C-alpha cells in the first residue's frame, strides 16, 4: 500500500474534499503518474461513488 493510497483513503474517509469530481480528478492524476495501482484506484473510486 502506497503512501498516496493511504492519504487519499484518509481524505475520502473523512470526506475532506470539495466535490466528488475534484477528488476523482486527483485519483485520475495519481493513476496516470503511477502513484496508485489500478486496484487501489478502483477501490478508492468505488468508495467515492458510494458516499
C-alpha atoms as a PDB file:
ATOM      1  CA  UNK A   1       0.000   0.000   0.000  1.00  0.00           C
ATOM      2  CA  UNK A   2       1.459   3.308  -1.067  1.00  0.00           C
ATOM      3  CA  UNK A   3       1.594   6.487   0.938  1.00  0.00           C
ATOM      4  CA  UNK A   4      -0.501   8.152  -1.775  1.00  0.00           C
ATOM      5  CA  UNK A   5      -3.183   5.480  -1.361  1.00  0.00           C
ATOM      6  CA  UNK A   6      -3.239   5.900   2.421  1.00  0.00           C
ATOM      7  CA  UNK A   7      -3.502   9.698   2.138  1.00  0.00           C
ATOM      8  CA  UNK A   8      -6.305   9.515  -0.424  1.00  0.00           C
ATOM      9  CA  UNK A   9      -8.183   6.892   1.584  1.00  0.00           C
ATOM     10  CA  UNK A  10      -7.963   9.081   4.670  1.00  0.00           C
ATOM     11  CA  UNK A  11      -9.286  12.094   2.741  1.00  0.00           C
ATOM     12  CA  UNK A  12     -12.174  10.059   1.364  1.00  0.00           C
ATOM     13  CA  UNK A  13     -12.996   8.516   4.756  1.00  0.00           C
ATOM     14  CA  UNK A  14     -13.158  11.989   6.315  1.00  0.00           C
ATOM     15  CA  UNK A  15     -14.876  13.426   3.225  1.00  0.00           C
ATOM     16  CA  UNK A  16     -12.314  16.219   3.270  1.00  0.00           C
ATOM     17  CA  UNK A  17     -12.598  17.155  -0.385  1.00  0.00           C
ATOM     18  CA  UNK A  18     -14.536  19.910  -2.125  1.00  0.00           C
ATOM     19  CA  UNK A  19     -16.526  17.761  -4.557  1.00  0.00           C
ATOM     20  CA  UNK A  20     -16.554  14.132  -5.631  1.00  0.00           C
ATOM     21  CA  UNK A  21     -15.446  15.235  -9.089  1.00  0.00           C
ATOM     22  CA  UNK A  22     -12.462  17.087  -7.611  1.00  0.00           C
ATOM     23  CA  UNK A  23     -11.339  14.045  -5.642  1.00  0.00           C
ATOM     24  CA  UNK A  24     -11.869  11.778  -8.649  1.00  0.00           C
ATOM     25  CA  UNK A  25      -9.670  14.093 -10.725  1.00  0.00           C
ATOM     26  CA  UNK A  26      -6.922  13.778  -8.123  1.00  0.00           C
ATOM     27  CA  UNK A  27      -7.164   9.987  -8.296  1.00  0.00           C
ATOM     28  CA  UNK A  28      -7.013  10.136 -12.101  1.00  0.00           C
ATOM     29  CA  UNK A  29      -3.800  12.155 -11.963  1.00  0.00           C
ATOM     30  CA  UNK A  30      -2.244   9.829  -9.383  1.00  0.00           C
ATOM     31  CA  UNK A  31      -3.096   6.820 -11.547  1.00  0.00           C
ATOM     32  CA  UNK A  32      -1.645   8.432 -14.674  1.00  0.00           C
ATOM     33  CA  UNK A  33       1.573   9.195 -12.805  1.00  0.00           C
ATOM     34  CA  UNK A  34       1.835   5.659 -11.391  1.00  0.00           C
ATOM     35  CA  UNK A  35       1.296   6.866  -7.830  1.00  0.00           C
ATOM     36  CA  UNK A  36      -1.668   4.459  -7.477  1.00  0.00           C
ATOM     37  CA  UNK A  37      -2.104   0.961  -8.829  1.00  0.00           C
ATOM     38  CA  UNK A  38      -5.202   0.142 -10.864  1.00  0.00           C
ATOM     39  CA  UNK A  39      -6.563  -1.896  -7.941  1.00  0.00           C
ATOM     40  CA  UNK A  40      -6.057   0.997  -5.487  1.00  0.00           C
ATOM     41  CA  UNK A  41      -7.623   3.434  -7.960  1.00  0.00           C
ATOM     42  CA  UNK A  42     -10.664   1.198  -8.484  1.00  0.00           C
ATOM     43  CA  UNK A  43     -11.174   0.763  -4.736  1.00  0.00           C
ATOM     44  CA  UNK A  44     -10.928   4.482  -3.985  1.00  0.00           C
ATOM     45  CA  UNK A  45     -13.141   5.417  -6.938  1.00  0.00           C
ATOM     46  CA  UNK A  46     -15.793   2.989  -5.739  1.00  0.00           C
ATOM     47  CA  UNK A  47     -15.588   4.443  -2.240  1.00  0.00           C
ATOM     48  CA  UNK A  48     -16.161   7.967  -3.602  1.00  0.00           C
ATOM     49  CA  UNK A  49     -19.092   6.798  -5.715  1.00  0.00           C
ATOM     50  CA  UNK A  50     -20.874   5.251  -2.736  1.00  0.00           C
ATOM     51  CA  UNK A  51     -20.609   8.302  -0.475  1.00  0.00           C
END
